[in-house]
């Protein structure tokens, strides 16, 4: 049996996902109505038989800690765990994580108490389903020191990733981190016809790695000041003729780095047969069981939407939308092309009677909401219009942000009756 420990990188401040990361770390951002982003890499590990995981984080980690603690509980016979490793001051360093490699380096001493031969490094903000056991077995079969999961991309995306070239034995011979547009013509690779037809002529690193333990320790010893895998560690390994393999992945994969990519990935889940399969019998997505009542609906027309548990819905129409846990939507309201993250709790009858003119938690009556993200615990009054569009300029207030054409209502925001945001026609 392969002895693997997985390190899941929680990322930095997540500024491109602001305001969703204003009060939480990137891995704690809700997705798909009932999950959090961290559930994706953890579920991939569990489905692949990898049961020892550390999540590395340093920003707004309270909600992430709570979610992991309440969700991933292993019995005493399995030796499995999912533990949070936050940046900490030690005798060797008094600084926060300075990059991906630095985060792993500073966490290595926590691994010494666990018997392992391989270290797998995953990202906490990607949406994909991968057989990580097969990935590890490929690493061993290639007799590699390091194996990088790779995926074909278009020229539009190539400048945002590490781009590589491999030989006919799928060993990586050259690598460049985020090449400029004028460099791309030098970095094309032969790809399968199905990818060539889509214009995917570049092989990109997915930020998913597996290292042989001794090799990773050697890399850190030889590069004591390196802070980033893509910019420093990987080029060093390739340039010094170590065995760096490419593991070709052809399935669905989305890097959730921006408001637009987050929005598109969520809405894509409403397709009849989405590329990311939440309904697989074996590759399940795990999350915290909340023991909520079934959702209740009154006269609503639904089309291509996902409805989580515990919702009370009186809306006129919900179309191409994600409706999260405990959502409440009033009579006559229309919601389309929108993510409603739901609520953390229900207001009691007494609380509803004592609102004193403040909107109840959820979405009120006769509202129109399109091209928007409503973060958790929002209070949207009656007759509110929220309409995002690519034609809108970026804008920020205390209660909402317009970014990438999407109107993002902040967590816990109160939007008064009759408010109009975005397109007004």
Protein backbone atom coordinates (compact mmCIF):
# COMPACT_ATOMS: atom_id res chain seq x y z
CA UNK A 1 0.00 0.00 0.00
CA UNK A 2 1.34 3.45 -0.94
CA UNK A 3 2.04 5.71 2.02
CA UNK A 4 0.79 9.14 0.96
CA UNK A 5 0.12 12.34 2.85
CA UNK A 6 -1.85 15.05 1.06
CA UNK A 7 -1.26 18.76 1.64
CA UNK A 8 -4.12 20.97 0.45
CA UNK A 9 -3.12 24.59 -0.14
CA UNK A 10 -5.64 27.09 1.14
CA UNK A 11 -4.30 29.93 -0.97
CA UNK A 12 -3.61 33.53 -0.07
CA UNK A 13 -5.96 36.41 0.70
CA UNK A 14 -8.21 35.53 -2.25
CA UNK A 15 -8.50 39.14 -3.40
CA UNK A 16 -9.83 38.16 -6.83
CA UNK A 17 -12.74 36.38 -5.13
CA UNK A 18 -13.57 39.38 -2.94
CA UNK A 19 -16.12 39.96 -1.40
CA UNK A 20 -16.76 36.21 -1.06
CA UNK A 21 -13.42 36.02 0.78
CA UNK A 22 -14.00 39.09 2.94
CA UNK A 23 -14.97 36.95 5.96
CA UNK A 24 -13.70 33.49 4.96
CA UNK A 25 -10.75 31.80 3.27
CA UNK A 26 -11.03 30.61 -0.34
CA UNK A 27 -11.47 26.92 0.54
CA UNK A 28 -14.41 27.86 2.78
CA UNK A 29 -16.40 29.57 -0.01
CA UNK A 30 -19.75 27.77 -0.54
CA UNK A 31 -20.34 26.04 -3.89
CA UNK A 32 -23.07 23.95 -5.47
CA UNK A 33 -25.73 24.93 -2.94
CA UNK A 34 -24.50 22.82 -0.01
CA UNK A 35 -20.75 22.26 -0.32
CA UNK A 36 -17.62 24.31 0.27
CA UNK A 37 -14.63 24.41 -2.08
CA UNK A 38 -12.50 22.48 0.40
CA UNK A 39 -14.90 19.53 0.08
CA UNK A 40 -13.73 18.95 -3.51
CA UNK A 41 -10.03 18.04 -2.93
CA UNK A 42 -10.89 16.22 0.30
CA UNK A 43 -13.55 14.17 -1.50
CA UNK A 44 -11.08 13.37 -4.30
CA UNK A 45 -8.65 12.10 -1.67
CA UNK A 46 -11.26 10.02 0.16
CA UNK A 47 -12.56 8.51 -3.09
CA UNK A 48 -8.95 7.58 -3.96
CA UNK A 49 -8.20 5.95 -0.61
CA UNK A 50 -6.03 8.82 0.68
CA UNK A 51 -7.10 9.47 4.27
CA UNK A 52 -4.31 11.58 5.75
CA UNK A 53 -4.66 15.24 4.85
CA UNK A 54 -3.42 18.61 6.06
CA UNK A 55 -5.10 21.85 4.93
CA UNK A 56 -2.64 24.78 4.87
CA UNK A 57 -4.19 28.18 5.44
CA UNK A 58 -3.49 31.58 6.97
CA UNK A 59 -6.33 33.97 6.04
CA UNK A 60 -9.80 34.09 7.65
CA UNK A 61 -9.58 30.44 8.64
CA UNK A 62 -12.22 30.33 11.42
CA UNK A 63 -15.14 29.12 9.27
CA UNK A 64 -12.86 26.68 7.43
CA UNK A 65 -11.63 25.24 10.72
CA UNK A 66 -15.19 24.83 11.94
CA UNK A 67 -16.33 23.14 8.72
CA UNK A 68 -13.43 20.67 8.65
CA UNK A 69 -13.77 19.90 12.37
CA UNK A 70 -17.51 19.24 12.10
CA UNK A 71 -17.33 17.27 8.85
CA UNK A 72 -14.30 15.00 8.58
CA UNK A 73 -14.36 12.83 11.67
CA UNK A 74 -12.58 9.47 11.40
CA UNK A 75 -12.95 6.53 13.74
CA UNK A 76 -9.99 5.58 15.93
CA UNK A 77 -9.21 2.46 13.84
CA UNK A 78 -8.73 4.18 10.47
CA UNK A 79 -5.74 6.43 11.33
CA UNK A 80 -7.26 8.96 8.97
CA UNK A 81 -7.44 12.72 9.59
CA UNK A 82 -8.02 16.10 8.01
CA UNK A 83 -6.14 18.69 10.06
CA UNK A 84 -5.73 22.43 9.61
CA UNK A 85 -2.18 23.80 9.54
CA UNK A 86 -2.29 27.58 9.86
CA UNK A 87 0.79 29.71 9.35
CA UNK A 88 2.68 29.93 12.63
CA UNK A 89 5.77 31.46 14.10
CA UNK A 90 8.53 28.95 14.89
CA UNK A 91 12.19 29.02 15.82
CA UNK A 92 13.00 28.70 12.11
CA UNK A 93 10.58 31.34 10.81
CA UNK A 94 8.51 34.20 12.18
CA UNK A 95 6.81 34.96 8.86
CA UNK A 96 3.53 33.95 7.29
CA UNK A 97 3.57 31.69 4.22
CA UNK A 98 5.30 33.56 1.38
CA UNK A 99 4.13 31.25 -1.43
CA UNK A 100 3.12 27.69 -2.25
CA UNK A 101 6.56 26.17 -1.70
CA UNK A 102 7.15 28.18 1.45
CA UNK A 103 3.82 27.00 2.87
CA UNK A 104 4.83 23.37 2.32
CA UNK A 105 8.37 23.92 3.62
CA UNK A 106 7.11 25.51 6.84
CA UNK A 107 4.69 22.61 7.33
CA UNK A 108 7.13 19.77 6.73
CA UNK A 109 7.95 19.29 10.42
CA UNK A 110 4.33 18.29 11.04
CA UNK A 111 4.75 15.37 8.62
CA UNK A 112 7.67 13.80 10.46
CA UNK A 113 5.40 12.05 12.94
CA UNK A 114 3.60 10.24 10.10
CA UNK A 115 5.04 7.34 8.12
CA UNK A 116 4.94 8.31 4.43
CA UNK A 117 6.89 7.89 1.20
CA UNK A 118 5.03 10.43 -0.96
CA UNK A 119 3.67 13.94 -0.52
CA UNK A 120 0.73 14.94 -2.72
CA UNK A 121 0.02 18.66 -3.06
CA UNK A 122 -3.44 19.85 -4.06
CA UNK A 123 -5.18 23.20 -4.37
CA UNK A 124 -8.12 24.13 -2.19
CA UNK A 125 -9.89 26.22 -4.84
CA UNK A 126 -10.34 23.93 -7.85
CA UNK A 127 -13.38 22.03 -9.11
CA UNK A 128 -12.56 18.61 -10.56
CA UNK A 129 -12.87 14.86 -10.04
CA UNK A 130 -9.64 12.90 -10.39
CA UNK A 131 -8.47 9.41 -9.53
CA UNK A 132 -5.62 10.48 -7.29
CA UNK A 133 -4.67 6.87 -6.65
CA UNK A 134 -4.09 6.43 -10.38
CA UNK A 135 -2.07 9.66 -10.35
CA UNK A 136 0.15 8.26 -7.58
CA UNK A 137 0.53 4.88 -9.30
CA UNK A 138 1.59 6.65 -12.50
CA UNK A 139 4.25 8.55 -10.51
CA UNK A 140 5.69 5.26 -9.26
CA UNK A 141 5.49 3.58 -12.68
CA UNK A 142 7.43 6.49 -14.23
CA UNK A 143 10.07 6.20 -11.50
CA UNK A 144 9.65 9.95 -11.19
CA UNK A 145 10.97 12.28 -8.52
CA UNK A 146 8.09 14.67 -9.15
CA UNK A 147 4.92 14.27 -11.22
CA UNK A 148 2.76 17.20 -12.31
CA UNK A 149 -0.87 16.80 -13.39
CA UNK A 150 -1.33 18.60 -16.71
CA UNK A 151 -4.24 19.63 -18.89
CA UNK A 152 -4.48 21.13 -22.43
CA UNK A 153 -5.58 24.81 -22.53
CA UNK A 154 -6.22 27.52 -25.11
CA UNK A 155 -4.10 30.60 -25.74
CA UNK A 156 -6.68 32.63 -23.81
CA UNK A 157 -5.89 30.69 -20.65
CA UNK A 158 -2.24 29.73 -21.19
CA UNK A 159 -0.78 32.97 -19.83
CA UNK A 160 -2.38 32.30 -16.48
CA UNK A 161 -0.68 28.93 -15.89
CA UNK A 162 2.66 27.22 -15.83
CA UNK A 163 3.20 25.87 -19.37
CA UNK A 164 5.42 22.89 -20.14
CA UNK A 165 6.78 20.68 -22.88
CA UNK A 166 7.22 16.94 -22.54
CA UNK A 167 9.04 14.27 -24.52
CA UNK A 168 7.57 11.09 -26.00
CA UNK A 169 7.99 9.34 -22.63
CA UNK A 170 5.88 12.04 -20.94
CA UNK A 171 8.84 13.43 -19.04
CA UNK A 172 8.89 17.23 -18.77
CA UNK A 173 11.85 18.87 -20.49
CA UNK A 174 11.02 22.57 -20.13
CA UNK A 175 8.67 24.74 -18.10
CA UNK A 176 7.72 28.42 -17.94
CA UNK A 177 5.48 30.08 -15.37
CA UNK A 178 2.71 32.29 -16.81
CA UNK A 179 4.32 33.12 -20.18
CA UNK A 180 3.46 36.43 -21.84
CA UNK A 181 1.24 36.42 -24.94
CA UNK A 182 4.17 37.03 -27.28
CA UNK A 183 5.93 33.90 -25.95
CA UNK A 184 3.06 31.48 -26.51
CA UNK A 185 3.98 30.51 -30.08
CA UNK A 186 7.20 28.94 -28.70
CA UNK A 187 5.35 26.79 -26.15
CA UNK A 188 2.78 24.81 -28.17
CA UNK A 189 2.74 21.03 -27.77
CA UNK A 190 1.39 18.13 -29.82
CA UNK A 191 -2.03 17.27 -28.40
CA UNK A 192 -4.81 14.82 -29.24
CA UNK A 193 -7.11 15.78 -32.11
CA UNK A 194 -10.04 16.42 -29.78
CA UNK A 195 -8.04 19.14 -28.01
CA UNK A 196 -6.49 20.55 -31.17
CA UNK A 197 -9.98 21.13 -32.60
CA UNK A 198 -10.75 23.21 -29.49
CA UNK A 199 -7.58 25.26 -29.90
CA UNK A 200 -5.99 23.68 -26.81
CA UNK A 201 -2.37 23.52 -27.99
CA UNK A 202 -0.67 24.29 -24.65
CA UNK A 203 -0.03 21.88 -21.76
CA UNK A 204 -0.67 23.59 -18.43
CA UNK A 205 0.21 22.61 -14.90
CA UNK A 206 -2.91 22.08 -12.81
CA UNK A 207 -1.08 22.89 -9.59
CA UNK A 208 -1.48 19.24 -8.55
CA UNK A 209 1.82 17.53 -7.68
CA UNK A 210 3.17 14.38 -6.11
CA UNK A 211 6.72 14.28 -4.79
CA UNK A 212 8.75 11.39 -3.53
CA UNK A 213 9.39 12.36 0.08
CA UNK A 214 13.17 12.29 -0.02
CA UNK A 215 13.22 14.30 -3.23
CA UNK A 216 10.98 17.03 -1.79
CA UNK A 217 13.21 17.29 1.26
CA UNK A 218 16.26 17.52 -1.01
CA UNK A 219 14.67 20.29 -3.10
CA UNK A 220 14.02 22.36 0.00
CA UNK A 221 17.56 21.77 1.28
CA UNK A 222 19.04 22.88 -2.05
CA UNK A 223 16.66 25.85 -2.44
CA UNK A 224 16.34 27.33 1.05
CA UNK A 225 15.04 30.68 -0.19
CA UNK A 226 12.58 29.43 -2.82
CA UNK A 227 8.98 30.34 -2.02
CA UNK A 228 6.99 29.19 -5.07
CA UNK A 229 6.70 25.84 -6.83
CA UNK A 230 5.89 27.20 -10.29
CA UNK A 231 8.43 30.00 -10.37
CA UNK A 232 11.35 28.32 -8.61
CA UNK A 233 11.09 24.71 -7.43
CA UNK A 234 9.76 23.11 -10.62
CA UNK A 235 12.17 24.93 -13.00
CA UNK A 236 15.06 23.95 -10.71
CA UNK A 237 14.06 20.28 -10.78
CA UNK A 238 13.75 20.26 -14.58
CA UNK A 239 16.93 22.26 -15.25
CA UNK A 240 18.94 19.91 -13.03
CA UNK A 241 17.80 16.82 -14.96
CA UNK A 242 15.69 15.26 -12.24
CA UNK A 243 12.87 12.97 -13.35
CA UNK A 244 9.81 15.21 -13.65
CA UNK A 245 6.82 13.46 -15.22
CA UNK A 246 3.64 14.80 -16.78
CA UNK A 247 0.35 13.11 -15.87
CA UNK A 248 -2.15 13.92 -18.62
CA UNK A 249 -5.65 14.64 -17.36
CA UNK A 250 -8.51 15.02 -19.81
CA UNK A 251 -11.49 15.46 -17.52
CA UNK A 252 -13.31 18.54 -16.26
CA UNK A 253 -11.17 20.96 -14.25
CA UNK A 254 -11.84 24.56 -13.28
CA UNK A 255 -9.57 26.85 -11.33
CA UNK A 256 -11.89 28.93 -9.12
CA UNK A 257 -9.80 32.08 -8.99
CA UNK A 258 -12.17 34.90 -9.94
CA UNK A 259 -15.78 35.92 -9.40
CA UNK A 260 -16.53 35.09 -13.06
CA UNK A 261 -14.96 31.61 -12.94
CA UNK A 262 -16.75 30.91 -9.64
CA UNK A 263 -20.06 32.08 -11.08
CA UNK A 264 -19.74 30.17 -14.35
CA UNK A 265 -18.66 26.95 -12.61
CA UNK A 266 -21.69 27.07 -10.32
CA UNK A 267 -24.22 27.87 -13.02
CA UNK A 268 -22.76 25.09 -15.19
CA UNK A 269 -23.85 22.62 -12.50
CA UNK A 270 -27.46 23.27 -13.54
CA UNK A 271 -26.92 21.84 -17.03
CA UNK A 272 -28.80 18.60 -17.84
CA UNK A 273 -25.54 16.63 -17.88
CA UNK A 274 -22.92 18.85 -16.23
CA UNK A 275 -19.23 18.19 -16.81
CA UNK A 276 -18.77 18.04 -13.04
CA UNK A 277 -20.87 15.12 -11.84
CA UNK A 278 -22.44 15.61 -8.41
CA UNK A 279 -24.62 12.52 -8.90
CA UNK A 280 -21.96 9.81 -9.17
CA UNK A 281 -22.59 6.64 -7.16
CA UNK A 282 -18.92 6.14 -6.28
CA UNK A 283 -17.06 9.45 -6.67
CA UNK A 284 -19.17 11.17 -4.07
CA UNK A 285 -18.75 14.71 -2.81
CA UNK A 286 -18.67 14.75 0.96
CA UNK A 287 -19.74 17.60 3.20
CA UNK A 288 -21.20 18.23 6.62
CA UNK A 289 -24.57 16.52 7.21
CA UNK A 290 -26.87 19.23 8.55
CA UNK A 291 -30.00 17.16 9.26
CA UNK A 292 -32.27 19.75 7.63
CA UNK A 293 -35.89 19.29 6.63
CA UNK A 294 -36.70 18.78 2.92
CA UNK A 295 -37.29 21.92 0.88
CA UNK A 296 -40.87 23.20 0.56
CA UNK A 297 -42.17 24.89 -2.61
CA UNK A 298 -45.42 26.80 -3.28
CA UNK A 299 -46.46 27.31 -6.94
CA UNK A 300 -42.97 28.05 -8.30
CA UNK A 301 -41.90 27.38 -11.89
CA UNK A 302 -38.44 25.80 -11.88
CA UNK A 303 -36.05 25.33 -14.80
CA UNK A 304 -32.50 23.94 -14.65
CA UNK A 305 -31.92 24.80 -11.04
CA UNK A 306 -30.38 23.15 -7.98
CA UNK A 307 -32.27 23.41 -4.71
CA UNK A 308 -30.53 22.49 -1.45
CA UNK A 309 -32.20 21.24 1.71
CA UNK A 310 -34.29 23.27 4.11
CA UNK A 311 -35.60 25.90 1.68
CA UNK A 312 -39.03 27.58 1.82
CA UNK A 313 -39.86 28.94 -1.64
CA UNK A 314 -42.91 30.93 -2.78
CA UNK A 315 -41.23 32.49 -5.84
CA UNK A 316 -42.93 32.89 -9.20
CA UNK A 317 -39.95 31.55 -11.17
CA UNK A 318 -36.44 30.19 -10.59
CA UNK A 319 -34.38 29.61 -13.74
CA UNK A 320 -30.72 28.51 -14.07
CA UNK A 321 -30.04 29.12 -10.41
CA UNK A 322 -28.33 27.58 -7.40
CA UNK A 323 -30.50 27.89 -4.28
CA UNK A 324 -28.51 27.18 -1.13
CA UNK A 325 -29.36 25.80 2.28
CA UNK A 326 -32.29 27.30 4.23
CA UNK A 327 -33.09 29.83 1.49
CA UNK A 328 -36.35 31.73 1.86
CA UNK A 329 -37.81 33.35 -1.27
CA UNK A 330 -41.03 35.38 -1.24
CA UNK A 331 -44.16 35.42 -3.40
CA UNK A 332 -43.90 36.81 -6.94
CA UNK A 333 -40.09 36.88 -7.00
CA UNK A 334 -38.09 35.87 -10.10
CA UNK A 335 -34.53 34.55 -9.76
CA UNK A 336 -32.48 33.67 -12.84
CA UNK A 337 -28.82 33.03 -13.60
CA UNK A 338 -28.07 33.58 -9.94
CA UNK A 339 -26.37 31.90 -6.98
CA UNK A 340 -28.25 32.20 -3.70
CA UNK A 341 -25.98 30.84 -0.97
CA UNK A 342 -28.74 30.55 1.60
CA UNK A 343 -28.72 31.08 5.34
CA UNK A 344 -26.83 29.77 8.35
CA UNK A 345 -29.97 29.54 10.51
CA UNK A 346 -33.73 30.07 10.53
CA UNK A 347 -35.29 33.14 12.09
CA UNK A 348 -37.89 32.23 14.69
CA UNK A 349 -41.51 33.43 14.56
CA UNK A 350 -40.73 35.88 17.36
CA UNK A 351 -37.69 37.23 15.52
CA UNK A 352 -39.81 37.73 12.40
CA UNK A 353 -42.40 39.64 14.44
CA UNK A 354 -39.72 41.93 15.91
CA UNK A 355 -37.94 42.99 12.71
CA UNK A 356 -39.06 46.64 13.11
CA UNK A 357 -39.08 47.34 9.38
CA UNK A 358 -35.89 45.43 8.60
CA UNK A 359 -36.29 42.78 5.85
CA UNK A 360 -36.48 39.17 6.97
CA UNK A 361 -33.53 36.93 6.20
CA UNK A 362 -33.79 35.73 2.60
CA UNK A 363 -35.40 37.31 -0.48
CA UNK A 364 -38.65 39.27 -0.17
CA UNK A 365 -41.71 39.48 -2.39
CA UNK A 366 -41.93 40.65 -6.02
CA UNK A 367 -38.16 40.90 -6.49
CA UNK A 368 -36.26 40.48 -9.76
CA UNK A 369 -32.73 39.07 -9.44
CA UNK A 370 -30.51 38.16 -12.39
CA UNK A 371 -26.76 37.65 -12.93
CA UNK A 372 -26.01 37.90 -9.23
CA UNK A 373 -24.48 36.14 -6.25
CA UNK A 374 -26.23 36.55 -2.92
CA UNK A 375 -23.85 35.57 -0.13
CA UNK A 376 -25.13 33.96 3.07
CA UNK A 377 -27.59 35.55 5.48
CA UNK A 378 -28.59 38.42 3.17
CA UNK A 379 -31.80 40.34 3.85
CA UNK A 380 -33.38 41.39 0.55
CA UNK A 381 -36.53 43.50 0.97
CA UNK A 382 -39.65 43.52 -1.18
CA UNK A 383 -39.73 44.91 -4.74
CA UNK A 384 -35.93 44.83 -5.05
CA UNK A 385 -34.33 44.70 -8.49
CA UNK A 386 -30.78 43.35 -8.87
CA UNK A 387 -29.64 42.90 -12.49
CA UNK A 388 -26.01 42.26 -13.34
CA UNK A 389 -24.56 42.74 -16.83
CA UNK A 390 -21.22 42.80 -18.61
CA UNK A 391 -22.10 46.40 -19.52
CA UNK A 392 -21.76 47.48 -15.88
CA UNK A 393 -18.58 49.09 -14.62
CA UNK A 394 -16.87 47.63 -11.55
CA UNK A 395 -18.19 49.24 -8.41
CA UNK A 396 -18.12 48.66 -4.65
CA UNK A 397 -20.30 49.67 -1.71
CA UNK A 398 -20.73 48.52 1.88
CA UNK A 399 -23.44 46.05 0.83
CA UNK A 400 -22.57 44.91 -2.70
CA UNK A 401 -19.84 44.74 -5.32
CA UNK A 402 -20.09 44.69 -9.12
CA UNK A 403 -17.27 42.60 -10.58
CA UNK A 404 -16.96 40.79 -13.92
CA UNK A 405 -20.53 41.87 -14.69
CA UNK A 406 -21.81 39.99 -11.63
CA UNK A 407 -23.50 41.77 -8.72
CA UNK A 408 -22.28 40.19 -5.49
CA UNK A 409 -24.36 41.05 -2.42
CA UNK A 410 -22.15 40.73 0.64
CA UNK A 411 -22.67 38.29 3.48
CA UNK A 412 -25.27 39.58 5.92
CA UNK A 413 -26.08 42.66 3.79
CA UNK A 414 -29.43 44.40 4.20
CA UNK A 415 -31.04 45.65 0.97
CA UNK A 416 -34.07 47.86 1.66
CA UNK A 417 -37.47 47.59 -0.01
CA UNK A 418 -37.58 49.02 -3.53
CA UNK A 419 -33.79 49.13 -4.02
CA UNK A 420 -32.56 48.97 -7.64
CA UNK A 421 -29.02 47.77 -8.41
CA UNK A 422 -27.48 47.32 -11.87
CA UNK A 423 -29.48 47.51 -15.09
CA UNK A 424 -32.67 49.45 -14.42
CA UNK A 425 -34.58 48.88 -17.68
